[in-house]
């Protein structure tokens, strides 16, 4: 009896997609991703030049990079599709995080009990594998979004979110727990920033 496992049974969807392409289709895909890689490399350099700490293969809009400052820290392999991030207070975003279009993160408010109405800084930490999809509003009263947490589109988050929680609504409340994180997803591929992973994945097939 043959107990060997066919590689198609263990490869991720990304590996199958890349490794099963014919040579011409692979080359065309590599060229498109190479151009995107140049663009995102420049964007990361802009953000770092402005004082932000940016990890490897981070994908973000140039409008966010131009506004970036020392308060912004982003881990590696994170995809950010919005520029509506308040960086007047510290913003720490982990690895493999996905933040969708038009999501807004507010980190600073005002002291309503003061005659001076001065700014009140809060800041936020978004841990690894969190997903904030389209049109989420994060208010300053939320200081932490836990590992693997998911927020439904259109939600308003007013308090911290626990690890692996799935929340939604206004105000957002938990309605289930996530079973696993997107550990097999090449996050930067969502916006075409996966040139290095694309080539590496193809080369891995040649070694099999």
C-alpha atoms as a PDB file:
ATOM      1  CA  UNK A   1       0.000   0.000   0.000  1.00  0.00           C
ATOM      2  CA  UNK A   2       1.352   3.441  -0.986  1.00  0.00           C
ATOM      3  CA  UNK A   3       1.152   5.872   1.946  1.00  0.00           C
ATOM      4  CA  UNK A   4       2.694   8.813   0.094  1.00  0.00           C
ATOM      5  CA  UNK A   5       0.667  12.028  -0.090  1.00  0.00           C
ATOM      6  CA  UNK A   6       0.232  13.804  -3.412  1.00  0.00           C
ATOM      7  CA  UNK A   7       1.622  17.357  -3.233  1.00  0.00           C
ATOM      8  CA  UNK A   8      -1.745  18.668  -4.507  1.00  0.00           C
ATOM      9  CA  UNK A   9      -3.251  17.504  -1.223  1.00  0.00           C
ATOM     10  CA  UNK A  10      -0.942  19.593   0.937  1.00  0.00           C
ATOM     11  CA  UNK A  11      -0.217  22.704  -1.140  1.00  0.00           C
ATOM     12  CA  UNK A  12      -1.951  25.949  -0.271  1.00  0.00           C
ATOM     13  CA  UNK A  13      -4.328  27.587  -2.744  1.00  0.00           C
ATOM     14  CA  UNK A  14      -1.650  30.181  -3.468  1.00  0.00           C
ATOM     15  CA  UNK A  15       0.959  27.506  -4.202  1.00  0.00           C
ATOM     16  CA  UNK A  16      -1.416  25.676  -6.523  1.00  0.00           C
ATOM     17  CA  UNK A  17      -2.308  28.884  -8.350  1.00  0.00           C
ATOM     18  CA  UNK A  18       1.331  29.809  -8.970  1.00  0.00           C
ATOM     19  CA  UNK A  19       2.904  26.393  -9.498  1.00  0.00           C
ATOM     20  CA  UNK A  20       0.262  25.067 -11.870  1.00  0.00           C
ATOM     21  CA  UNK A  21       0.573  27.973 -14.341  1.00  0.00           C
ATOM     22  CA  UNK A  22       2.220  27.378 -17.671  1.00  0.00           C
ATOM     23  CA  UNK A  23       5.483  29.208 -18.278  1.00  0.00           C
ATOM     24  CA  UNK A  24       4.020  32.069 -20.352  1.00  0.00           C
ATOM     25  CA  UNK A  25       1.266  32.764 -17.852  1.00  0.00           C
ATOM     26  CA  UNK A  26       3.783  32.687 -15.014  1.00  0.00           C
ATOM     27  CA  UNK A  27       6.083  35.178 -16.770  1.00  0.00           C
ATOM     28  CA  UNK A  28       3.207  37.562 -17.478  1.00  0.00           C
ATOM     29  CA  UNK A  29       2.148  37.365 -13.838  1.00  0.00           C
ATOM     30  CA  UNK A  30       5.711  37.972 -12.687  1.00  0.00           C
ATOM     31  CA  UNK A  31       6.009  41.089 -14.865  1.00  0.00           C
ATOM     32  CA  UNK A  32       2.824  42.619 -13.473  1.00  0.00           C
ATOM     33  CA  UNK A  33       3.931  41.886  -9.910  1.00  0.00           C
ATOM     34  CA  UNK A  34       7.435  43.225 -10.584  1.00  0.00           C
ATOM     35  CA  UNK A  35       5.962  46.609 -11.523  1.00  0.00           C
ATOM     36  CA  UNK A  36       3.766  46.596  -8.425  1.00  0.00           C
ATOM     37  CA  UNK A  37       6.773  45.614  -6.319  1.00  0.00           C
ATOM     38  CA  UNK A  38       8.680  48.694  -7.512  1.00  0.00           C
ATOM     39  CA  UNK A  39       5.718  50.893  -6.630  1.00  0.00           C
ATOM     40  CA  UNK A  40       5.253  49.475  -3.144  1.00  0.00           C
ATOM     41  CA  UNK A  41       8.994  49.550  -2.458  1.00  0.00           C
ATOM     42  CA  UNK A  42       8.988  53.288  -3.151  1.00  0.00           C
ATOM     43  CA  UNK A  43       5.950  53.770  -0.937  1.00  0.00           C
ATOM     44  CA  UNK A  44       7.623  51.940   1.961  1.00  0.00           C
ATOM     45  CA  UNK A  45      10.725  54.095   1.540  1.00  0.00           C
ATOM     46  CA  UNK A  46       8.624  57.253   1.726  1.00  0.00           C
ATOM     47  CA  UNK A  47       6.962  56.106   4.950  1.00  0.00           C
ATOM     48  CA  UNK A  48      10.303  55.157   6.521  1.00  0.00           C
ATOM     49  CA  UNK A  49      11.850  58.463   5.475  1.00  0.00           C
ATOM     50  CA  UNK A  50       9.004  60.206   7.304  1.00  0.00           C
ATOM     51  CA  UNK A  51       9.896  58.360  10.501  1.00  0.00           C
ATOM     52  CA  UNK A  52       7.552  55.357  10.383  1.00  0.00           C
ATOM     53  CA  UNK A  53       8.736  51.826  11.151  1.00  0.00           C
ATOM     54  CA  UNK A  54       7.631  49.587   8.294  1.00  0.00           C
ATOM     55  CA  UNK A  55       8.275  45.845   7.981  1.00  0.00           C
ATOM     56  CA  UNK A  56       8.908  43.699   4.932  1.00  0.00           C
ATOM     57  CA  UNK A  57       6.472  43.444   1.996  1.00  0.00           C
ATOM     58  CA  UNK A  58       3.973  45.893   3.513  1.00  0.00           C
ATOM     59  CA  UNK A  59       1.415  47.172   1.024  1.00  0.00           C
ATOM     60  CA  UNK A  60      -0.085  50.609   1.643  1.00  0.00           C
ATOM     61  CA  UNK A  61      -1.330  53.627  -0.321  1.00  0.00           C
ATOM     62  CA  UNK A  62       1.139  56.375  -1.130  1.00  0.00           C
ATOM     63  CA  UNK A  63      -1.211  58.905   0.475  1.00  0.00           C
ATOM     64  CA  UNK A  64      -0.737  57.173   3.830  1.00  0.00           C
ATOM     65  CA  UNK A  65       3.044  56.935   3.408  1.00  0.00           C
ATOM     66  CA  UNK A  66       3.284  60.662   2.706  1.00  0.00           C
ATOM     67  CA  UNK A  67       1.433  61.432   5.947  1.00  0.00           C
ATOM     68  CA  UNK A  68       3.320  58.852   7.998  1.00  0.00           C
ATOM     69  CA  UNK A  69       5.366  59.845  11.033  1.00  0.00           C
ATOM     70  CA  UNK A  70       7.232  58.242  13.913  1.00  0.00           C
ATOM     71  CA  UNK A  71       3.941  57.232  15.557  1.00  0.00           C
ATOM     72  CA  UNK A  72       3.277  54.606  12.887  1.00  0.00           C
ATOM     73  CA  UNK A  73       4.681  51.093  13.257  1.00  0.00           C
ATOM     74  CA  UNK A  74       3.671  48.320  10.861  1.00  0.00           C
ATOM     75  CA  UNK A  75       4.883  44.712  10.950  1.00  0.00           C
ATOM     76  CA  UNK A  76       5.649  42.562   7.922  1.00  0.00           C
ATOM     77  CA  UNK A  77       3.325  41.168   5.228  1.00  0.00           C
ATOM     78  CA  UNK A  78       0.494  43.544   6.111  1.00  0.00           C
ATOM     79  CA  UNK A  79      -1.990  44.993   3.624  1.00  0.00           C
ATOM     80  CA  UNK A  80      -3.425  48.466   4.247  1.00  0.00           C
ATOM     81  CA  UNK A  81      -5.904  49.884   1.744  1.00  0.00           C
ATOM     82  CA  UNK A  82      -6.896  53.059   3.597  1.00  0.00           C
ATOM     83  CA  UNK A  83      -5.161  56.337   4.387  1.00  0.00           C
ATOM     84  CA  UNK A  84      -7.661  57.296   7.077  1.00  0.00           C
ATOM     85  CA  UNK A  85      -5.393  56.492  10.012  1.00  0.00           C
ATOM     86  CA  UNK A  86      -4.950  59.115  12.729  1.00  0.00           C
ATOM     87  CA  UNK A  87      -1.245  59.233  13.587  1.00  0.00           C
ATOM     88  CA  UNK A  88      -1.346  61.969  16.210  1.00  0.00           C
ATOM     89  CA  UNK A  89      -1.007  59.136  18.747  1.00  0.00           C
ATOM     90  CA  UNK A  90       0.956  55.867  18.419  1.00  0.00           C
ATOM     91  CA  UNK A  91      -0.453  53.303  15.987  1.00  0.00           C
ATOM     92  CA  UNK A  92       1.066  49.819  16.090  1.00  0.00           C
ATOM     93  CA  UNK A  93      -0.092  47.353  13.448  1.00  0.00           C
ATOM     94  CA  UNK A  94       1.195  43.787  13.561  1.00  0.00           C
ATOM     95  CA  UNK A  95       2.114  41.159  10.971  1.00  0.00           C
ATOM     96  CA  UNK A  96      -0.306  39.693   8.417  1.00  0.00           C
ATOM     97  CA  UNK A  97      -2.962  42.296   9.217  1.00  0.00           C
ATOM     98  CA  UNK A  98      -5.551  43.250   6.586  1.00  0.00           C
ATOM     99  CA  UNK A  99      -7.140  46.710   6.694  1.00  0.00           C
ATOM    100  CA  UNK A 100      -9.682  47.471   3.978  1.00  0.00           C
ATOM    101  CA  UNK A 101     -10.715  50.495   1.983  1.00  0.00           C
ATOM    102  CA  UNK A 102     -12.329  53.483   3.742  1.00  0.00           C
ATOM    103  CA  UNK A 103     -11.712  52.051   7.206  1.00  0.00           C
ATOM    104  CA  UNK A 104     -10.998  54.881   9.637  1.00  0.00           C
ATOM    105  CA  UNK A 105      -8.884  54.623  12.778  1.00  0.00           C
ATOM    106  CA  UNK A 106      -9.080  57.499  15.264  1.00  0.00           C
ATOM    107  CA  UNK A 107      -6.526  57.623  18.073  1.00  0.00           C
ATOM    108  CA  UNK A 108      -6.920  61.100  19.528  1.00  0.00           C
ATOM    109  CA  UNK A 109      -9.855  62.967  21.024  1.00  0.00           C
ATOM    110  CA  UNK A 110     -10.456  65.974  23.300  1.00  0.00           C
ATOM    111  CA  UNK A 111     -10.788  66.260  27.057  1.00  0.00           C
ATOM    112  CA  UNK A 112     -14.468  67.200  27.315  1.00  0.00           C
ATOM    113  CA  UNK A 113     -14.118  67.873  31.053  1.00  0.00           C
ATOM    114  CA  UNK A 114     -11.539  70.593  30.529  1.00  0.00           C
ATOM    115  CA  UNK A 115     -12.154  74.267  29.877  1.00  0.00           C
ATOM    116  CA  UNK A 116      -9.152  74.144  27.538  1.00  0.00           C
ATOM    117  CA  UNK A 117     -10.647  71.219  25.550  1.00  0.00           C
ATOM    118  CA  UNK A 118      -7.088  69.990  24.955  1.00  0.00           C
ATOM    119  CA  UNK A 119      -6.223  66.918  22.922  1.00  0.00           C
ATOM    120  CA  UNK A 120      -6.332  63.580  24.697  1.00  0.00           C
ATOM    121  CA  UNK A 121      -4.051  60.922  23.200  1.00  0.00           C
ATOM    122  CA  UNK A 122      -4.943  57.252  23.256  1.00  0.00           C
ATOM    123  CA  UNK A 123      -3.179  55.228  20.580  1.00  0.00           C
ATOM    124  CA  UNK A 124      -3.983  51.719  19.385  1.00  0.00           C
ATOM    125  CA  UNK A 125      -2.389  48.288  18.951  1.00  0.00           C
ATOM    126  CA  UNK A 126      -3.674  45.979  16.227  1.00  0.00           C
ATOM    127  CA  UNK A 127      -2.235  42.517  16.719  1.00  0.00           C
ATOM    128  CA  UNK A 128      -1.179  39.913  14.133  1.00  0.00           C
ATOM    129  CA  UNK A 129      -3.741  38.423  11.735  1.00  0.00           C
ATOM    130  CA  UNK A 130      -6.495  40.922  12.544  1.00  0.00           C
ATOM    131  CA  UNK A 131      -8.886  41.836   9.731  1.00  0.00           C
ATOM    132  CA  UNK A 132     -10.629  45.195   9.493  1.00  0.00           C
ATOM    133  CA  UNK A 133     -12.536  45.165   6.193  1.00  0.00           C
ATOM    134  CA  UNK A 134     -14.338  47.967   4.366  1.00  0.00           C
ATOM    135  CA  UNK A 135     -15.713  51.072   6.118  1.00  0.00           C
ATOM    136  CA  UNK A 136     -14.964  50.144   9.708  1.00  0.00           C
ATOM    137  CA  UNK A 137     -14.781  53.001  12.205  1.00  0.00           C
ATOM    138  CA  UNK A 138     -12.393  52.561  15.138  1.00  0.00           C
ATOM    139  CA  UNK A 139     -12.921  55.195  17.839  1.00  0.00           C
ATOM    140  CA  UNK A 140     -10.211  56.369  20.286  1.00  0.00           C
ATOM    141  CA  UNK A 141     -11.829  54.428  23.147  1.00  0.00           C
ATOM    142  CA  UNK A 142     -10.635  51.227  21.456  1.00  0.00           C
ATOM    143  CA  UNK A 143      -7.012  50.747  22.481  1.00  0.00           C
ATOM    144  CA  UNK A 144      -6.385  47.176  21.325  1.00  0.00           C
ATOM    145  CA  UNK A 145      -7.620  44.804  18.636  1.00  0.00           C
ATOM    146  CA  UNK A 146      -6.489  41.326  19.577  1.00  0.00           C
ATOM    147  CA  UNK A 147      -4.718  38.581  17.642  1.00  0.00           C
ATOM    148  CA  UNK A 148      -6.863  37.237  14.803  1.00  0.00           C
ATOM    149  CA  UNK A 149      -9.831  39.492  15.558  1.00  0.00           C
ATOM    150  CA  UNK A 150     -12.310  40.293  12.771  1.00  0.00           C
ATOM    151  CA  UNK A 151     -14.612  43.309  12.507  1.00  0.00           C
ATOM    152  CA  UNK A 152     -17.615  43.233  10.176  1.00  0.00           C
ATOM    153  CA  UNK A 153     -17.805  45.891   7.468  1.00  0.00           C
ATOM    154  CA  UNK A 154     -19.575  49.084   8.476  1.00  0.00           C
ATOM    155  CA  UNK A 155     -19.085  48.482  12.205  1.00  0.00           C
ATOM    156  CA  UNK A 156     -18.249  51.122  14.813  1.00  0.00           C
ATOM    157  CA  UNK A 157     -15.747  49.871  17.389  1.00  0.00           C
ATOM    158  CA  UNK A 158     -15.845  51.655  20.753  1.00  0.00           C
ATOM    159  CA  UNK A 159     -13.946  49.229  23.006  1.00  0.00           C
ATOM    160  CA  UNK A 160     -11.100  46.715  22.904  1.00  0.00           C
ATOM    161  CA  UNK A 161     -11.598  43.488  20.942  1.00  0.00           C
ATOM    162  CA  UNK A 162     -10.412  40.198  22.362  1.00  0.00           C
ATOM    163  CA  UNK A 163      -8.237  37.639  20.609  1.00  0.00           C
ATOM    164  CA  UNK A 164     -10.027  35.709  17.806  1.00  0.00           C
ATOM    165  CA  UNK A 165     -13.288  37.597  18.363  1.00  0.00           C
ATOM    166  CA  UNK A 166     -15.607  38.335  15.448  1.00  0.00           C
ATOM    167  CA  UNK A 167     -17.558  41.513  16.133  1.00  0.00           C
ATOM    168  CA  UNK A 168     -20.038  43.696  14.303  1.00  0.00           C
ATOM    169  CA  UNK A 169     -22.647  46.417  14.637  1.00  0.00           C
ATOM    170  CA  UNK A 170     -22.854  49.915  16.103  1.00  0.00           C
ATOM    171  CA  UNK A 171     -21.481  49.651  18.674  1.00  0.00           C
ATOM    172  CA  UNK A 172     -19.636  46.487  17.660  1.00  0.00           C
ATOM    173  CA  UNK A 173     -20.247  43.435  19.857  1.00  0.00           C
ATOM    174  CA  UNK A 174     -18.900  39.898  19.650  1.00  0.00           C
ATOM    175  CA  UNK A 175     -21.146  37.341  17.958  1.00  0.00           C
ATOM    176  CA  UNK A 176     -18.711  34.441  17.461  1.00  0.00           C
ATOM    177  CA  UNK A 177     -15.118  33.256  17.788  1.00  0.00           C
ATOM    178  CA  UNK A 178     -12.850  32.746  14.805  1.00  0.00           C
ATOM    179  CA  UNK A 179     -11.721  29.133  14.331  1.00  0.00           C
ATOM    180  CA  UNK A 180      -8.349  29.876  12.745  1.00  0.00           C
ATOM    181  CA  UNK A 181      -6.288  32.713  11.279  1.00  0.00           C
ATOM    182  CA  UNK A 182      -5.336  33.250   7.610  1.00  0.00           C
ATOM    183  CA  UNK A 183      -1.879  31.716   8.080  1.00  0.00           C
ATOM    184  CA  UNK A 184      -1.731  30.262   4.543  1.00  0.00           C
ATOM    185  CA  UNK A 185      -2.718  33.505   2.832  1.00  0.00           C
ATOM    186  CA  UNK A 186       0.005  35.578   1.171  1.00  0.00           C
ATOM    187  CA  UNK A 187      -1.460  38.830   2.445  1.00  0.00           C
ATOM    188  CA  UNK A 188       0.460  41.118   0.092  1.00  0.00           C
ATOM    189  CA  UNK A 189      -1.046  39.250  -2.881  1.00  0.00           C
ATOM    190  CA  UNK A 190      -4.412  40.892  -2.174  1.00  0.00           C
ATOM    191  CA  UNK A 191      -3.140  44.096  -3.807  1.00  0.00           C
ATOM    192  CA  UNK A 192      -0.589  42.560  -6.172  1.00  0.00           C
ATOM    193  CA  UNK A 193       2.437  43.159  -3.955  1.00  0.00           C
ATOM    194  CA  UNK A 194       3.569  39.536  -3.889  1.00  0.00           C
ATOM    195  CA  UNK A 195       6.383  39.506  -6.461  1.00  0.00           C
ATOM    196  CA  UNK A 196       8.935  37.916  -4.103  1.00  0.00           C
ATOM    197  CA  UNK A 197       6.493  35.301  -2.814  1.00  0.00           C
ATOM    198  CA  UNK A 198       5.338  34.598  -6.378  1.00  0.00           C
ATOM    199  CA  UNK A 199       8.841  33.879  -7.669  1.00  0.00           C
ATOM    200  CA  UNK A 200       9.867  31.957  -4.541  1.00  0.00           C
ATOM    201  CA  UNK A 201       6.763  29.784  -4.742  1.00  0.00           C
ATOM    202  CA  UNK A 202       7.482  28.928  -8.371  1.00  0.00           C
ATOM    203  CA  UNK A 203      11.114  28.124  -7.586  1.00  0.00           C
ATOM    204  CA  UNK A 204      10.008  25.803  -4.786  1.00  0.00           C
ATOM    205  CA  UNK A 205       8.161  23.701  -7.352  1.00  0.00           C
ATOM    206  CA  UNK A 206      11.367  23.214  -9.308  1.00  0.00           C
ATOM    207  CA  UNK A 207      12.993  21.694  -6.212  1.00  0.00           C
ATOM    208  CA  UNK A 208      10.286  19.081  -5.687  1.00  0.00           C
END
